[in-house]
Amino acid sequence: MNAKAVKVQPHKSSLGNMDANLLALLVYLAPIILAWIPVVKYVAWAVPLVVFFIEKDSKFVKFHSMQAILLSAVGAVLGLIFSLIKAGVIAGSYASGYGVVVGALGLVYLWARRLALIITIIIIVFEIIAMVRAYGYVAYRIPLIGNWAAKIVGWEDGNQAGTSDQQTAYYHASVAAAAPPAAPAAAEAPAAPAEPAAAEAPKPESK
């Protein structure tokens, strides 16, 4: 089984007995929606953080919550870097006697804006993929970030690769115990007895 996309059984979250796949989807969707609200957008990242600490049963939900936190953190750090570049370019242009961004500083500013837009689109694409997979009860790992999230919630590939525990690693043992057992294998039909060999006809006596 591919550890980057582990399918788990449907189960409930400890938060209001909500379906775990719905809550896992919301930890990505809520910050995106709140990001459009003035002032509130600065604390939108706190939604998956709160879910991560409150959720008690489903490691599937905790995994997606941590992944959403790390994804928001990466976006925030990159946004800060590009903001500093923008401020530095503008300050440098005024210090050099120009009232607008021109020349080499203008190129730096332009490429910084384009790079920021590209990275923003990439982050949104990965968020959409993670939301869709989470709704289907799939613990999809975003490249680089997903491995960190898995280690934080306590799911290690080496301990569970190739075992049935890999499917239940994202929710509590009590939830896994409630899952129906696998159907026993059908018994093999007994082999038919071999037919006795036909008796050899007697040879005629020679005169």
C-alpha atoms as a PDB file:
ATOM      1  CA  MET A   1       0.000   0.000   0.000  1.00  0.00           C
ATOM      2  CA  ASN A   2       1.229   3.471  -0.836  1.00  0.00           C
ATOM      3  CA  ALA A   3       2.021   5.234   2.454  1.00  0.00           C
ATOM      4  CA  LYS A   4       1.379   8.613   0.824  1.00  0.00           C
ATOM      5  CA  ALA A   5      -2.309   7.818   0.386  1.00  0.00           C
ATOM      6  CA  VAL A   6      -3.612   5.431   3.048  1.00  0.00           C
ATOM      7  CA  LYS A   7      -7.287   4.485   2.933  1.00  0.00           C
ATOM      8  CA  VAL A   8      -8.933   4.139   6.356  1.00  0.00           C
ATOM      9  CA  GLN A   9     -12.311   2.813   7.405  1.00  0.00           C
ATOM     10  CA  PRO A  10     -15.195   5.291   7.966  1.00  0.00           C
ATOM     11  CA  HIS A  11     -15.431   6.290  11.620  1.00  0.00           C
ATOM     12  CA  LYS A  12     -16.567   9.093  13.927  1.00  0.00           C
ATOM     13  CA  SER A  13     -14.665  11.987  15.429  1.00  0.00           C
ATOM     14  CA  SER A  14     -14.744  12.722  19.142  1.00  0.00           C
ATOM     15  CA  LEU A  15     -16.031  16.246  18.362  1.00  0.00           C
ATOM     16  CA  GLY A  16     -19.806  16.074  18.456  1.00  0.00           C
ATOM     17  CA  ASN A  17     -19.798  12.565  16.986  1.00  0.00           C
ATOM     18  CA  MET A  18     -19.150  14.160  13.579  1.00  0.00           C
ATOM     19  CA  ASP A  19     -18.023  12.006  10.688  1.00  0.00           C
ATOM     20  CA  ALA A  20     -14.233  12.082  10.654  1.00  0.00           C
ATOM     21  CA  ASN A  21     -14.001  12.701   6.912  1.00  0.00           C
ATOM     22  CA  LEU A  22     -16.170  15.826   7.160  1.00  0.00           C
ATOM     23  CA  LEU A  23     -14.107  17.283   9.999  1.00  0.00           C
ATOM     24  CA  ALA A  24     -10.870  16.485   8.144  1.00  0.00           C
ATOM     25  CA  LEU A  25     -12.202  18.383   5.139  1.00  0.00           C
ATOM     26  CA  LEU A  26     -13.175  21.398   7.261  1.00  0.00           C
ATOM     27  CA  VAL A  27      -9.662  21.852   8.706  1.00  0.00           C
ATOM     28  CA  TYR A  28      -8.564  22.806   5.179  1.00  0.00           C
ATOM     29  CA  LEU A  29     -11.716  24.607   4.045  1.00  0.00           C
ATOM     30  CA  ALA A  30     -12.335  26.795   7.119  1.00  0.00           C
ATOM     31  CA  PRO A  31      -9.012  28.728   6.938  1.00  0.00           C
ATOM     32  CA  ILE A  32      -9.570  29.380   3.216  1.00  0.00           C
ATOM     33  CA  ILE A  33     -13.004  30.871   3.894  1.00  0.00           C
ATOM     34  CA  LEU A  34     -11.891  32.846   6.949  1.00  0.00           C
ATOM     35  CA  ALA A  35      -8.943  34.266   4.995  1.00  0.00           C
ATOM     36  CA  TRP A  36     -11.394  36.509   3.116  1.00  0.00           C
ATOM     37  CA  ILE A  37     -12.727  38.107   6.313  1.00  0.00           C
ATOM     38  CA  PRO A  38     -10.842  41.228   7.505  1.00  0.00           C
ATOM     39  CA  VAL A  39      -8.993  40.857  10.822  1.00  0.00           C
ATOM     40  CA  VAL A  40     -10.231  37.259  11.208  1.00  0.00           C
ATOM     41  CA  LYS A  41      -7.918  36.174   8.392  1.00  0.00           C
ATOM     42  CA  TYR A  42      -4.920  36.683  10.692  1.00  0.00           C
ATOM     43  CA  VAL A  43      -6.114  33.892  13.002  1.00  0.00           C
ATOM     44  CA  ALA A  44      -7.608  31.581  10.361  1.00  0.00           C
ATOM     45  CA  TRP A  45      -4.693  29.193  10.857  1.00  0.00           C
ATOM     46  CA  ALA A  46      -5.902  28.572  14.425  1.00  0.00           C
ATOM     47  CA  VAL A  47      -8.874  26.463  13.250  1.00  0.00           C
ATOM     48  CA  PRO A  48      -6.865  23.297  12.474  1.00  0.00           C
ATOM     49  CA  LEU A  49      -4.711  23.963  15.544  1.00  0.00           C
ATOM     50  CA  VAL A  50      -7.767  23.904  17.834  1.00  0.00           C
ATOM     51  CA  VAL A  51      -9.081  20.745  16.177  1.00  0.00           C
ATOM     52  CA  PHE A  52      -5.696  19.066  16.572  1.00  0.00           C
ATOM     53  CA  PHE A  53      -5.649  19.586  20.342  1.00  0.00           C
ATOM     54  CA  ILE A  54      -9.345  18.879  20.960  1.00  0.00           C
ATOM     55  CA  GLU A  55      -9.689  15.725  18.870  1.00  0.00           C
ATOM     56  CA  LYS A  56      -9.069  12.652  21.045  1.00  0.00           C
ATOM     57  CA  ASP A  57     -10.043   9.559  19.043  1.00  0.00           C
ATOM     58  CA  SER A  58      -9.281  10.011  15.364  1.00  0.00           C
ATOM     59  CA  LYS A  59      -5.646  10.182  14.351  1.00  0.00           C
ATOM     60  CA  PHE A  60      -6.964  10.547  10.820  1.00  0.00           C
ATOM     61  CA  VAL A  61      -8.435  13.938  11.814  1.00  0.00           C
ATOM     62  CA  LYS A  62      -5.339  14.885  13.811  1.00  0.00           C
ATOM     63  CA  PHE A  63      -3.113  14.059  10.834  1.00  0.00           C
ATOM     64  CA  HIS A  64      -5.088  16.286   8.463  1.00  0.00           C
ATOM     65  CA  SER A  65      -5.253  19.021  11.110  1.00  0.00           C
ATOM     66  CA  MET A  66      -1.479  19.021  11.548  1.00  0.00           C
ATOM     67  CA  GLN A  67      -0.944  18.938   7.801  1.00  0.00           C
ATOM     68  CA  ALA A  68      -3.225  21.980   7.420  1.00  0.00           C
ATOM     69  CA  ILE A  69      -1.299  23.777  10.197  1.00  0.00           C
ATOM     70  CA  LEU A  70       2.049  23.128   8.517  1.00  0.00           C
ATOM     71  CA  LEU A  71       0.689  24.176   5.142  1.00  0.00           C
ATOM     72  CA  SER A  72      -0.579  27.454   6.625  1.00  0.00           C
ATOM     73  CA  ALA A  73       2.782  27.989   8.331  1.00  0.00           C
ATOM     74  CA  VAL A  74       4.662  27.518   5.054  1.00  0.00           C
ATOM     75  CA  GLY A  75       2.331  29.987   3.341  1.00  0.00           C
ATOM     76  CA  ALA A  76       2.761  32.512   6.155  1.00  0.00           C
ATOM     77  CA  VAL A  77       6.566  32.283   6.114  1.00  0.00           C
ATOM     78  CA  LEU A  78       6.728  32.648   2.336  1.00  0.00           C
ATOM     79  CA  GLY A  79       4.285  35.542   2.492  1.00  0.00           C
ATOM     80  CA  LEU A  80       6.481  37.282   5.071  1.00  0.00           C
ATOM     81  CA  ILE A  81       9.580  36.759   2.930  1.00  0.00           C
ATOM     82  CA  PHE A  82       7.943  38.243  -0.156  1.00  0.00           C
ATOM     83  CA  SER A  83       6.581  41.150   1.881  1.00  0.00           C
ATOM     84  CA  LEU A  84      10.101  41.922   3.118  1.00  0.00           C
ATOM     85  CA  ILE A  85      11.418  41.738  -0.443  1.00  0.00           C
ATOM     86  CA  LYS A  86       8.705  44.112  -1.586  1.00  0.00           C
ATOM     87  CA  ALA A  87       9.398  46.549   1.242  1.00  0.00           C
ATOM     88  CA  GLY A  88      13.156  46.380   0.580  1.00  0.00           C
ATOM     89  CA  VAL A  89      12.736  47.044  -3.135  1.00  0.00           C
ATOM     90  CA  ILE A  90      10.463  50.024  -2.538  1.00  0.00           C
ATOM     91  CA  ALA A  91      12.749  51.433   0.177  1.00  0.00           C
ATOM     92  CA  GLY A  92      15.766  50.965  -2.087  1.00  0.00           C
ATOM     93  CA  SER A  93      14.084  52.769  -4.950  1.00  0.00           C
ATOM     94  CA  TYR A  94      13.287  55.802  -2.792  1.00  0.00           C
ATOM     95  CA  ALA A  95      16.770  55.793  -1.265  1.00  0.00           C
ATOM     96  CA  SER A  96      18.296  55.922  -4.742  1.00  0.00           C
ATOM     97  CA  GLY A  97      16.315  59.016  -5.599  1.00  0.00           C
ATOM     98  CA  TYR A  98      13.504  57.446  -7.592  1.00  0.00           C
ATOM     99  CA  GLY A  99       9.863  57.734  -6.604  1.00  0.00           C
ATOM    100  CA  VAL A 100       8.928  54.522  -8.365  1.00  0.00           C
ATOM    101  CA  VAL A 101      10.461  51.085  -8.621  1.00  0.00           C
ATOM    102  CA  VAL A 102      12.690  51.066 -11.741  1.00  0.00           C
ATOM    103  CA  GLY A 103      15.586  49.163 -13.294  1.00  0.00           C
ATOM    104  CA  ALA A 104      16.988  46.119 -11.528  1.00  0.00           C
ATOM    105  CA  LEU A 105      14.881  46.741  -8.430  1.00  0.00           C
ATOM    106  CA  GLY A 106      11.796  46.727 -10.620  1.00  0.00           C
ATOM    107  CA  LEU A 107      12.727  43.302 -12.000  1.00  0.00           C
ATOM    108  CA  VAL A 108      13.263  41.908  -8.505  1.00  0.00           C
ATOM    109  CA  TYR A 109       9.879  43.237  -7.411  1.00  0.00           C
ATOM    110  CA  LEU A 110       8.161  41.847 -10.509  1.00  0.00           C
ATOM    111  CA  TRP A 111       9.664  38.366 -10.170  1.00  0.00           C
ATOM    112  CA  ALA A 112       8.922  38.297  -6.438  1.00  0.00           C
ATOM    113  CA  ARG A 113       5.252  38.995  -7.151  1.00  0.00           C
ATOM    114  CA  ARG A 114       5.111  36.304  -9.832  1.00  0.00           C
ATOM    115  CA  LEU A 115       6.816  33.746  -7.613  1.00  0.00           C
ATOM    116  CA  ALA A 116       4.448  34.550  -4.751  1.00  0.00           C
ATOM    117  CA  LEU A 117       1.473  34.025  -7.066  1.00  0.00           C
ATOM    118  CA  ILE A 118       2.831  30.687  -8.311  1.00  0.00           C
ATOM    119  CA  ILE A 119       3.464  29.412  -4.786  1.00  0.00           C
ATOM    120  CA  THR A 120      -0.008  30.535  -3.678  1.00  0.00           C
ATOM    121  CA  ILE A 121      -1.588  28.590  -6.553  1.00  0.00           C
ATOM    122  CA  ILE A 122       0.467  25.493  -5.697  1.00  0.00           C
ATOM    123  CA  ILE A 123      -0.616  25.656  -2.044  1.00  0.00           C
ATOM    124  CA  ILE A 124      -4.284  26.019  -3.042  1.00  0.00           C
ATOM    125  CA  VAL A 125      -4.018  23.046  -5.426  1.00  0.00           C
ATOM    126  CA  PHE A 126      -2.550  20.836  -2.687  1.00  0.00           C
ATOM    127  CA  GLU A 127      -5.259  22.006  -0.258  1.00  0.00           C
ATOM    128  CA  ILE A 128      -7.968  21.025  -2.740  1.00  0.00           C
ATOM    129  CA  ILE A 129      -6.377  17.609  -3.314  1.00  0.00           C
ATOM    130  CA  ALA A 130      -6.079  17.037   0.438  1.00  0.00           C
ATOM    131  CA  MET A 131      -9.715  18.061   0.993  1.00  0.00           C
ATOM    132  CA  VAL A 132     -11.029  15.710  -1.688  1.00  0.00           C
ATOM    133  CA  ARG A 133      -8.923  12.799  -0.447  1.00  0.00           C
ATOM    134  CA  ALA A 134      -9.829  13.495   3.198  1.00  0.00           C
ATOM    135  CA  TYR A 135     -13.538  13.358   2.362  1.00  0.00           C
ATOM    136  CA  GLY A 136     -12.918   9.920   0.887  1.00  0.00           C
ATOM    137  CA  TYR A 137     -11.223   8.760   4.136  1.00  0.00           C
ATOM    138  CA  VAL A 138      -7.781   8.860   2.546  1.00  0.00           C
ATOM    139  CA  ALA A 139      -4.813  10.136   4.576  1.00  0.00           C
ATOM    140  CA  TYR A 140      -3.091  11.871   1.671  1.00  0.00           C
ATOM    141  CA  ARG A 141       0.374  13.249   2.400  1.00  0.00           C
ATOM    142  CA  ILE A 142       1.297  16.525   0.783  1.00  0.00           C
ATOM    143  CA  PRO A 143       4.939  16.301  -0.400  1.00  0.00           C
ATOM    144  CA  LEU A 144       7.438  17.194   2.364  1.00  0.00           C
ATOM    145  CA  ILE A 145       4.767  18.530   4.717  1.00  0.00           C
ATOM    146  CA  GLY A 146       2.861  15.253   4.976  1.00  0.00           C
ATOM    147  CA  ASN A 147       5.827  13.330   6.359  1.00  0.00           C
ATOM    148  CA  TRP A 148       6.263  15.868   9.168  1.00  0.00           C
ATOM    149  CA  ALA A 149       2.564  15.704  10.016  1.00  0.00           C
ATOM    150  CA  ALA A 150       2.647  11.888  10.127  1.00  0.00           C
ATOM    151  CA  LYS A 151       5.596  11.882  12.527  1.00  0.00           C
ATOM    152  CA  ILE A 152       3.957  14.450  14.822  1.00  0.00           C
ATOM    153  CA  VAL A 153       0.754  12.416  15.172  1.00  0.00           C
ATOM    154  CA  GLY A 154       2.756   9.223  15.730  1.00  0.00           C
ATOM    155  CA  TRP A 155       2.314   7.270  12.524  1.00  0.00           C
ATOM    156  CA  GLU A 156       5.529   5.686  11.241  1.00  0.00           C
ATOM    157  CA  ASP A 157       5.846   3.797   7.951  1.00  0.00           C
ATOM    158  CA  GLY A 158       8.503   1.438   9.237  1.00  0.00           C
ATOM    159  CA  ASN A 159       6.320   0.068  12.042  1.00  0.00           C
ATOM    160  CA  GLN A 160       3.214  -0.554   9.980  1.00  0.00           C
ATOM    161  CA  ALA A 161       4.112  -0.936   6.343  1.00  0.00           C
ATOM    162  CA  GLY A 162       2.646  -4.075   4.857  1.00  0.00           C
ATOM    163  CA  THR A 163       0.353  -4.832   7.819  1.00  0.00           C
ATOM    164  CA  SER A 164      -3.358  -4.444   8.444  1.00  0.00           C
ATOM    165  CA  ASP A 165      -2.529  -1.865  11.147  1.00  0.00           C
ATOM    166  CA  GLN A 166      -1.612   0.593   8.413  1.00  0.00           C
ATOM    167  CA  GLN A 167      -5.293   1.058   7.634  1.00  0.00           C
ATOM    168  CA  THR A 168      -6.274   1.604  11.279  1.00  0.00           C
ATOM    169  CA  ALA A 169      -3.305   3.731  12.292  1.00  0.00           C
ATOM    170  CA  TYR A 170      -5.236   6.960  11.833  1.00  0.00           C
ATOM    171  CA  TYR A 171      -7.930   6.317  14.435  1.00  0.00           C
ATOM    172  CA  HIS A 172      -8.162   5.150  18.024  1.00  0.00           C
ATOM    173  CA  ALA A 173      -7.968   1.476  18.945  1.00  0.00           C
ATOM    174  CA  SER A 174     -11.530   1.543  20.323  1.00  0.00           C
ATOM    175  CA  VAL A 175     -12.793   2.660  16.939  1.00  0.00           C
ATOM    176  CA  ALA A 176     -10.762   0.011  15.165  1.00  0.00           C
ATOM    177  CA  ALA A 177     -12.201  -2.680  17.468  1.00  0.00           C
ATOM    178  CA  ALA A 178     -15.717  -1.761  16.334  1.00  0.00           C
ATOM    179  CA  ALA A 179     -14.882  -2.534  12.704  1.00  0.00           C
ATOM    180  CA  PRO A 180     -16.441  -5.806  11.442  1.00  0.00           C
ATOM    181  CA  PRO A 181     -13.989  -8.725  11.236  1.00  0.00           C
ATOM    182  CA  ALA A 182     -12.905 -10.011   7.856  1.00  0.00           C
ATOM    183  CA  ALA A 183     -14.907 -12.903   6.404  1.00  0.00           C
ATOM    184  CA  PRO A 184     -13.228 -16.303   6.884  1.00  0.00           C
ATOM    185  CA  ALA A 185     -11.782 -17.949   3.814  1.00  0.00           C
ATOM    186  CA  ALA A 186     -13.962 -20.612   2.202  1.00  0.00           C
ATOM    187  CA  ALA A 187     -13.024 -24.177   3.127  1.00  0.00           C
ATOM    188  CA  GLU A 188     -11.507 -26.233   0.331  1.00  0.00           C
ATOM    189  CA  ALA A 189     -13.704 -29.012  -1.037  1.00  0.00           C
ATOM    190  CA  PRO A 190     -12.402 -32.515  -0.203  1.00  0.00           C
ATOM    191  CA  ALA A 191     -10.666 -34.238  -3.067  1.00  0.00           C
ATOM    192  CA  ALA A 192     -12.673 -36.972  -4.814  1.00  0.00           C
ATOM    193  CA  PRO A 193     -11.420 -40.522  -4.093  1.00  0.00           C
ATOM    194  CA  ALA A 194      -9.457 -42.124  -6.873  1.00  0.00           C
ATOM    195  CA  GLU A 195     -11.333 -44.733  -8.890  1.00  0.00           C
ATOM    196  CA  PRO A 196      -9.941 -48.294  -8.606  1.00  0.00           C
ATOM    197  CA  ALA A 197      -7.994 -49.492 -11.604  1.00  0.00           C
ATOM    198  CA  ALA A 198      -9.853 -51.845 -13.934  1.00  0.00           C
ATOM    199  CA  ALA A 199      -8.978 -55.541 -13.513  1.00  0.00           C
ATOM    200  CA  GLU A 200      -6.669 -56.911 -16.233  1.00  0.00           C
ATOM    201  CA  ALA A 201      -8.351 -59.446 -18.527  1.00  0.00           C
ATOM    202  CA  PRO A 202      -6.878 -63.017 -18.254  1.00  0.00           C
ATOM    203  CA  LYS A 203      -4.608 -64.096 -21.080  1.00  0.00           C
ATOM    204  CA  PRO A 204      -5.629 -67.187 -23.106  1.00  0.00           C
ATOM    205  CA  GLU A 205      -3.595 -70.337 -22.439  1.00  0.00           C
ATOM    206  CA  SER A 206      -1.245 -71.383 -25.210  1.00  0.00           C
ATOM    207  CA  LYS A 207      -1.588 -74.904 -26.570  1.00  0.00           C
END
